[in-house]
C-alpha atoms as a PDB file:
ATOM      1  CA  VAL A   1      34.803 -13.781  39.963  1.00  0.00           C
ATOM      2  CA  TYR A   2      34.194 -17.383  41.266  1.00  0.00           C
ATOM      3  CA  ASN A   3      35.542 -18.831  44.120  1.00  0.00           C
ATOM      4  CA  GLY A   4      34.648 -22.579  45.397  1.00  0.00           C
ATOM      5  CA  THR A   5      35.565 -25.850  45.499  1.00  0.00           C
ATOM      6  CA  PHE A   6      35.591 -29.544  43.571  1.00  0.00           C
ATOM      7  CA  ILE A   7      34.905 -32.404  45.841  1.00  0.00           C
ATOM      8  CA  ILE A   8      36.715 -35.390  44.089  1.00  0.00           C
ATOM      9  CA  SER A   9      35.866 -38.567  45.400  1.00  0.00           C
ATOM     10  CA  GLY A  10      36.277 -42.029  44.439  1.00  0.00           C
ATOM     11  CA  GLY A  11      39.080 -45.076  44.098  1.00  0.00           C
ATOM     12  CA  GLY A  12      38.829 -46.295  47.899  1.00  0.00           C
ATOM     13  CA  VAL A  13      39.633 -43.041  49.333  1.00  0.00           C
ATOM     14  CA  SER A  14      38.245 -40.476  51.527  1.00  0.00           C
ATOM     15  CA  ALA A  15      37.247 -37.438  49.275  1.00  0.00           C
ATOM     16  CA  ILE A  16      39.152 -34.285  49.508  1.00  0.00           C
ATOM     17  CA  ASN A  17      37.614 -30.452  48.371  1.00  0.00           C
ATOM     18  CA  ILE A  18      40.207 -28.459  46.125  1.00  0.00           C
ATOM     19  CA  PRO A  19      39.624 -24.945  45.996  1.00  0.00           C
ATOM     20  CA  VAL A  20      39.307 -23.174  43.020  1.00  0.00           C
ATOM     21  CA  SER A  21      38.636 -19.410  41.819  1.00  0.00           C
ATOM     22  CA  GLY A  22      38.289 -17.774  38.252  1.00  0.00           C
ATOM     23  CA  VAL A  23      38.071 -14.592  36.856  1.00  0.00           C
ATOM     24  CA  ALA A  24      34.920 -13.705  34.361  1.00  0.00           C
ATOM     25  CA  ILE A  25      36.309 -11.382  31.762  1.00  0.00           C
ATOM     26  CA  ASN A  26      34.295  -9.345  29.602  1.00  0.00           C
ATOM     27  CA  SER A  27      35.100  -9.040  26.015  1.00  0.00           C
ATOM     28  CA  ILE A  28      33.197  -6.855  25.076  1.00  0.00           C
ATOM     29  CA  PRO A  29      34.500  -3.420  23.691  1.00  0.00           C
ATOM     30  CA  GLN A  30      33.115  -0.240  24.622  1.00  0.00           C
ATOM     31  CA  ILE A  31      31.806   2.142  21.614  1.00  0.00           C
ATOM     32  CA  SER A  32      31.864   5.323  20.872  1.00  0.00           C
ATOM     33  CA  ALA A  33      30.945   7.201  16.871  1.00  0.00           C
ATOM     34  CA  ILE A  34      31.421   9.922  14.707  1.00  0.00           C
ATOM     35  CA  VAL A  35      28.038  10.451  12.894  1.00  0.00           C
ATOM     36  CA  SER A  36      28.279  12.788   9.916  1.00  0.00           C
ATOM     37  CA  ASN A  37      25.474  13.184   7.884  1.00  0.00           C
ATOM     38  CA  VAL A  38      24.932  13.945   3.845  1.00  0.00           C
ATOM     39  CA  THR A  39      26.136  17.448   3.249  1.00  0.00           C
ATOM     40  CA  CYS A  40      23.696  18.173   0.287  1.00  0.00           C
ATOM     41  CA  ASN A  41      20.130  16.574  -0.931  1.00  0.00           C
ATOM     42  CA  GLY A  42      21.546  14.372  -3.173  1.00  0.00           C
ATOM     43  CA  LYS A  43      25.011  13.513  -2.229  1.00  0.00           C
ATOM     44  CA  LYS A  44      27.271  10.135  -1.159  1.00  0.00           C
ATOM     45  CA  ASN A  45      29.365  11.689   1.493  1.00  0.00           C
ATOM     46  CA  GLY A  46      28.437  10.598   4.914  1.00  0.00           C
ATOM     47  CA  PHE A  47      30.513   8.371   7.373  1.00  0.00           C
ATOM     48  CA  ILE A  48      30.350   6.480  10.186  1.00  0.00           C
ATOM     49  CA  ASN A  49      33.805   6.097  12.469  1.00  0.00           C
ATOM     50  CA  LEU A  50      34.415   3.939  15.695  1.00  0.00           C
ATOM     51  CA  THR A  51      36.415   4.293  18.195  1.00  0.00           C
ATOM     52  CA  LEU A  52      36.672   0.732  20.401  1.00  0.00           C
ATOM     53  CA  THR A  53      37.217   1.204  24.158  1.00  0.00           C
ATOM     54  CA  GLY A  54      38.454  -1.831  26.615  1.00  0.00           C
ATOM     55  CA  GLY A  55      37.380  -5.167  25.424  1.00  0.00           C
ATOM     56  CA  ASN A  56      39.843  -8.107  23.947  1.00  0.00           C
ATOM     57  CA  ALA A  57      40.995  -7.880  20.358  1.00  0.00           C
ATOM     58  CA  PRO A  58      41.589  -8.838  17.886  1.00  0.00           C
ATOM     59  CA  PHE A  59      37.619  -7.657  16.639  1.00  0.00           C
ATOM     60  CA  THR A  60      35.902  -8.238  13.497  1.00  0.00           C
ATOM     61  CA  TYR A  61      33.446  -5.714  11.938  1.00  0.00           C
ATOM     62  CA  SER A  62      30.460  -7.015   9.942  1.00  0.00           C
ATOM     63  CA  TRP A  63      28.487  -3.389   8.304  1.00  0.00           C
ATOM     64  CA  THR A  64      25.076  -3.853   7.169  1.00  0.00           C
ATOM     65  CA  SER A  65      22.039  -1.789   5.988  1.00  0.00           C
ATOM     66  CA  ALA A  66      17.860  -2.397   6.302  1.00  0.00           C
ATOM     67  CA  ASP A  67      17.765   0.294   3.662  1.00  0.00           C
ATOM     68  CA  PHE A  68      20.191  -1.512   1.075  1.00  0.00           C
ATOM     69  CA  ASN A  69      20.338  -5.140   0.248  1.00  0.00           C
ATOM     70  CA  THR A  70      23.646  -5.170  -0.932  1.00  0.00           C
ATOM     71  CA  PHE A  71      25.440  -2.631   1.918  1.00  0.00           C
ATOM     72  CA  LYS A  72      28.184  -4.762   3.336  1.00  0.00           C
ATOM     73  CA  SER A  73      31.891  -3.916   4.346  1.00  0.00           C
ATOM     74  CA  SER A  74      34.055  -5.312   7.526  1.00  0.00           C
ATOM     75  CA  SER A  75      35.893  -2.156   7.798  1.00  0.00           C
ATOM     76  CA  GLU A  76      35.905  -0.842  11.222  1.00  0.00           C
ATOM     77  CA  ASP A  77      35.460   2.816   9.748  1.00  0.00           C
ATOM     78  CA  ILE A  78      32.475   3.145   6.906  1.00  0.00           C
ATOM     79  CA  ALA A  79      32.366   5.835   4.404  1.00  0.00           C
ATOM     80  CA  ASP A  80      30.649   7.677   1.230  1.00  0.00           C
ATOM     81  CA  LEU A  81      27.342   7.011   2.674  1.00  0.00           C
ATOM     82  CA  LYS A  82      23.475   7.575   1.177  1.00  0.00           C
ATOM     83  CA  PRO A  83      21.389   8.578   3.939  1.00  0.00           C
ATOM     84  CA  ALA A  84      20.389   5.584   5.261  1.00  0.00           C
ATOM     85  CA  SER A  85      20.421   2.879   8.854  1.00  0.00           C
ATOM     86  CA  TYR A  86      23.471   1.179   9.088  1.00  0.00           C
ATOM     87  CA  SER A  87      24.053  -1.389  11.545  1.00  0.00           C
ATOM     88  CA  VAL A  88      27.480  -2.777  12.582  1.00  0.00           C
ATOM     89  CA  ASP A  89      28.055  -6.219  14.677  1.00  0.00           C
ATOM     90  CA  ILE A  90      31.063  -5.913  16.512  1.00  0.00           C
ATOM     91  CA  VAL A  91      32.924  -9.587  17.463  1.00  0.00           C
ATOM     92  CA  ALA A  92      35.357  -9.730  20.336  1.00  0.00           C
ATOM     93  CA  LYS A  93      38.088 -12.335  20.528  1.00  0.00           C
ATOM     94  CA  ALA A  94      36.401 -14.410  22.629  1.00  0.00           C
ATOM     95  CA  GLY A  95      33.415 -14.612  20.668  1.00  0.00           C
ATOM     96  CA  CYS A  96      31.519 -12.185  22.697  1.00  0.00           C
ATOM     97  CA  LYS A  97      29.712  -9.377  19.868  1.00  0.00           C
ATOM     98  CA  ILE A  98      27.864  -6.164  20.848  1.00  0.00           C
ATOM     99  CA  SER A  99      25.981  -4.488  17.995  1.00  0.00           C
ATOM    100  CA  ASN A 100      24.773  -1.109  16.959  1.00  0.00           C
ATOM    101  CA  THR A 101      22.411   1.596  14.464  1.00  0.00           C
ATOM    102  CA  TYR A 102      23.331   4.545  13.231  1.00  0.00           C
ATOM    103  CA  THR A 103      21.367   6.673  11.021  1.00  0.00           C
ATOM    104  CA  ILE A 104      23.021   9.052   8.039  1.00  0.00           C
ATOM    105  CA  ALA A 105      20.366  11.843   7.243  1.00  0.00           C
ATOM    106  CA  GLU A 106      20.734  14.157   4.326  1.00  0.00           C
ATOM    107  CA  PRO A 107      18.954  18.298   4.232  1.00  0.00           C
ATOM    108  CA  ALA A 108      15.951  18.635   2.447  1.00  0.00           C
ATOM    109  CA  ILE A 109      16.488  19.991  -1.324  1.00  0.00           C
ATOM    110  CA  LEU A 110      17.770  23.347  -1.434  1.00  0.00           C
ATOM    111  CA  GLU A 111      15.813  25.666  -3.384  1.00  0.00           C
ATOM    112  CA  VAL A 112      15.836  29.205  -4.696  1.00  0.00           C
ATOM    113  CA  ALA A 113      12.215  31.036  -4.670  1.00  0.00           C
ATOM    114  CA  ILE A 114      12.589  34.764  -6.644  1.00  0.00           C
ATOM    115  CA  ALA A 115       9.548  37.095  -6.908  1.00  0.00           C
ATOM    116  CA  LYS A 116       9.544  40.977  -8.668  1.00  0.00           C
ATOM    117  CA  ASP A 117       7.816  43.915  -6.859  1.00  0.00           C
ATOM    118  CA  SER A 118       6.544  45.103 -10.196  1.00  0.00           C
ATOM    119  CA  ASP A 119       6.912  44.936 -13.721  1.00  0.00           C
ATOM    120  CA  ILE A 120       9.738  48.022 -15.041  1.00  0.00           C
ATOM    121  CA  LEU A 121       7.235  50.488 -16.748  1.00  0.00           C
ATOM    122  CA  CYS A 122       9.838  52.482 -18.545  1.00  0.00           C
ATOM    123  CA  LYS A 123      12.285  51.209 -21.518  1.00  0.00           C
ATOM    124  CA  TRP A 124      15.667  50.195 -19.669  1.00  0.00           C
ATOM    125  CA  GLY A 125      14.682  50.835 -16.174  1.00  0.00           C
ATOM    126  CA  THR A 126      14.557  48.594 -13.208  1.00  0.00           C
ATOM    127  CA  THR A 127      12.828  46.767 -10.840  1.00  0.00           C
ATOM    128  CA  THR A 128      13.230  45.310  -7.172  1.00  0.00           C
ATOM    129  CA  ILE A 129      13.785  41.551  -6.355  1.00  0.00           C
ATOM    130  CA  THR A 130      13.538  39.543  -3.588  1.00  0.00           C
ATOM    131  CA  VAL A 131      15.740  36.114  -3.664  1.00  0.00           C
ATOM    132  CA  THR A 132      14.385  33.877  -0.532  1.00  0.00           C
ATOM    133  CA  ALA A 133      15.868  30.453  -0.465  1.00  0.00           C
ATOM    134  CA  SER A 134      14.840  27.116   1.767  1.00  0.00           C
ATOM    135  CA  GLY A 135      15.720  23.536   2.189  1.00  0.00           C
ATOM    136  CA  GLY A 136      19.028  23.353   2.740  1.00  0.00           C
ATOM    137  CA  VAL A 137      21.254  24.239   6.089  1.00  0.00           C
ATOM    138  CA  LEU A 138      20.987  27.616   7.354  1.00  0.00           C
ATOM    139  CA  PRO A 139      22.487  30.560   7.048  1.00  0.00           C
ATOM    140  CA  TYR A 140      22.153  31.198   3.686  1.00  0.00           C
ATOM    141  CA  THR A 141      24.181  33.834   0.888  1.00  0.00           C
ATOM    142  CA  GLY A 142      22.779  34.872  -2.051  1.00  0.00           C
ATOM    143  CA  VAL A 143      19.317  36.387  -0.797  1.00  0.00           C
ATOM    144  CA  GLY A 144      17.873  39.481   0.479  1.00  0.00           C
ATOM    145  CA  VAL A 145      16.438  42.263  -2.564  1.00  0.00           C
ATOM    146  CA  PHE A 146      18.897  43.306  -5.592  1.00  0.00           C
ATOM    147  CA  THR A 147      17.719  45.456  -8.827  1.00  0.00           C
ATOM    148  CA  GLY A 148      16.363  44.029 -11.532  1.00  0.00           C
ATOM    149  CA  ASN A 149      16.892  44.657 -15.505  1.00  0.00           C
ATOM    150  CA  ALA A 150      15.245  43.907 -18.528  1.00  0.00           C
ATOM    151  CA  GLY A 151      16.052  40.335 -19.498  1.00  0.00           C
ATOM    152  CA  THR A 152      17.306  37.004 -17.391  1.00  0.00           C
ATOM    153  CA  ASN A 153      18.230  37.854 -14.034  1.00  0.00           C
ATOM    154  CA  ASN A 154      20.062  35.179 -12.636  1.00  0.00           C
ATOM    155  CA  PHE A 155      20.311  34.319  -8.899  1.00  0.00           C
ATOM    156  CA  THR A 156      22.700  31.587  -6.923  1.00  0.00           C
ATOM    157  CA  VAL A 157      22.125  31.169  -3.245  1.00  0.00           C
ATOM    158  CA  THR A 158      24.483  28.911  -0.925  1.00  0.00           C
ATOM    159  CA  ASP A 159      23.784  27.354   2.321  1.00  0.00           C
ATOM    160  CA  SER A 160      26.038  26.462   5.135  1.00  0.00           C
ATOM    161  CA  ASN A 161      27.171  23.677   3.956  1.00  0.00           C
ATOM    162  CA  GLY A 162      28.648  25.228   0.727  1.00  0.00           C
ATOM    163  CA  CYS A 163      25.246  23.516  -1.597  1.00  0.00           C
ATOM    164  CA  THR A 164      24.405  25.637  -4.065  1.00  0.00           C
ATOM    165  CA  ALA A 165      20.948  26.372  -6.000  1.00  0.00           C
ATOM    166  CA  THR A 166      19.922  28.716  -9.021  1.00  0.00           C
ATOM    167  CA  ASN A 167      17.035  30.509 -10.453  1.00  0.00           C
ATOM    168  CA  LYS A 168      16.212  32.662 -12.911  1.00  0.00           C
ATOM    169  CA  ILE A 169      14.119  35.014 -13.417  1.00  0.00           C
ATOM    170  CA  VAL A 170      13.128  36.917 -16.744  1.00  0.00           C
ATOM    171  CA  LEU A 171      11.927  40.525 -16.979  1.00  0.00           C
ATOM    172  CA  THR A 172      10.295  41.803 -19.913  1.00  0.00           C
ATOM    173  CA  ASN A 173      11.612  46.025 -20.893  1.00  0.00           C
ATOM    174  CA  GLY A 174       8.891  48.879 -19.912  1.00  0.00           C
ATOM    175  CA  THR A 175       7.653  50.894 -22.813  1.00  0.00           C
ATOM    176  CA  ALA A 176       6.975  54.142 -20.952  1.00  0.00           C
ATOM    177  CA  VAL A 177       9.367  56.983 -22.215  1.00  0.00           C
ATOM    178  CA  VAL A 178      10.565  59.754 -20.579  1.00  0.00           C
ATOM    179  CA  PRO A 179       9.848  62.925 -21.698  1.00  0.00           C
ATOM    180  CA  SER A 180      12.706  64.984 -22.928  1.00  0.00           C
ATOM    181  CA  LYS A 181      13.992  67.477 -20.968  1.00  0.00           C
ATOM    182  CA  PRO A 182      13.379  70.859 -22.767  1.00  0.00           C
ATOM    183  CA  LEU A 183      16.145  73.071 -24.436  1.00  0.00           C
ATOM    184  CA  GLU A 184      15.304  75.661 -22.760  1.00  0.00           C
ATOM    185  CA  ILE A 185      12.044  77.973 -22.073  1.00  0.00           C
ATOM    186  CA  PHE A 186      11.911  81.280 -23.433  1.00  0.00           C
ATOM    187  CA  SER A 187       8.885  83.275 -23.833  1.00  0.00           C
ATOM    188  CA  PRO A 188       8.209  87.564 -23.654  1.00  0.00           C
ATOM    189  CA  VAL A 189       7.014  86.712 -20.233  1.00  0.00           C
ATOM    190  CA  ALA A 190       9.683  84.742 -18.890  1.00  0.00           C
ATOM    191  CA  ASP A 191      12.684  87.190 -20.522  1.00  0.00           C
ATOM    192  CA  GLU A 192      10.584  89.557 -18.101  1.00  0.00           C
ATOM    193  CA  ALA A 193       9.393  87.822 -15.128  1.00  0.00           C
ATOM    194  CA  GLY A 194      11.703  84.599 -15.073  1.00  0.00           C
ATOM    195  CA  VAL A 195      10.933  81.366 -15.086  1.00  0.00           C
ATOM    196  CA  CYS A 196       7.527  80.652 -12.661  1.00  0.00           C
ATOM    197  CA  GLY A 197       7.296  84.443 -11.868  1.00  0.00           C
ATOM    198  CA  GLY A 198      11.267  84.035 -10.219  1.00  0.00           C
END
């Protein structure tokens, strides 16, 4: 707020004081933003939504990115974004400008690791497989301890954003053969005393 006087003189008359007052209006708005990062490594689905409070409309927007020189937008909100830094200049009705910079990030690559407990010893036998994961966003589904059979064993892990990664392990069939169960045990001694002397 300004309050003061203007002195007007000349023309052969006495100087007079004229009171004046004025109010300066800040046309710059307050900015809040919702920043959504890329959900899966390598995707292009981040977005930035702005909300302006106060200021004097209309507003103009100028988006750029220091990481992608070709990126330009004049919209209030921007979407389908890659991981990068994005800057916006907002100019209000009276020409006042405010600027802000936001960063879109992405999770690390989701990877699946598989380890077998041991080789399969017997033909058509099994072994134990442990599946772990790294990257992405916790928690994961599809990790843990599983039974592995001879041949190709495929495993898929999903993170909390719905991103998936797959890995496999090929297990060689065992060669050992389980002894056949005897059909019957007989002898004169066994007939008299029973099996194992029972």
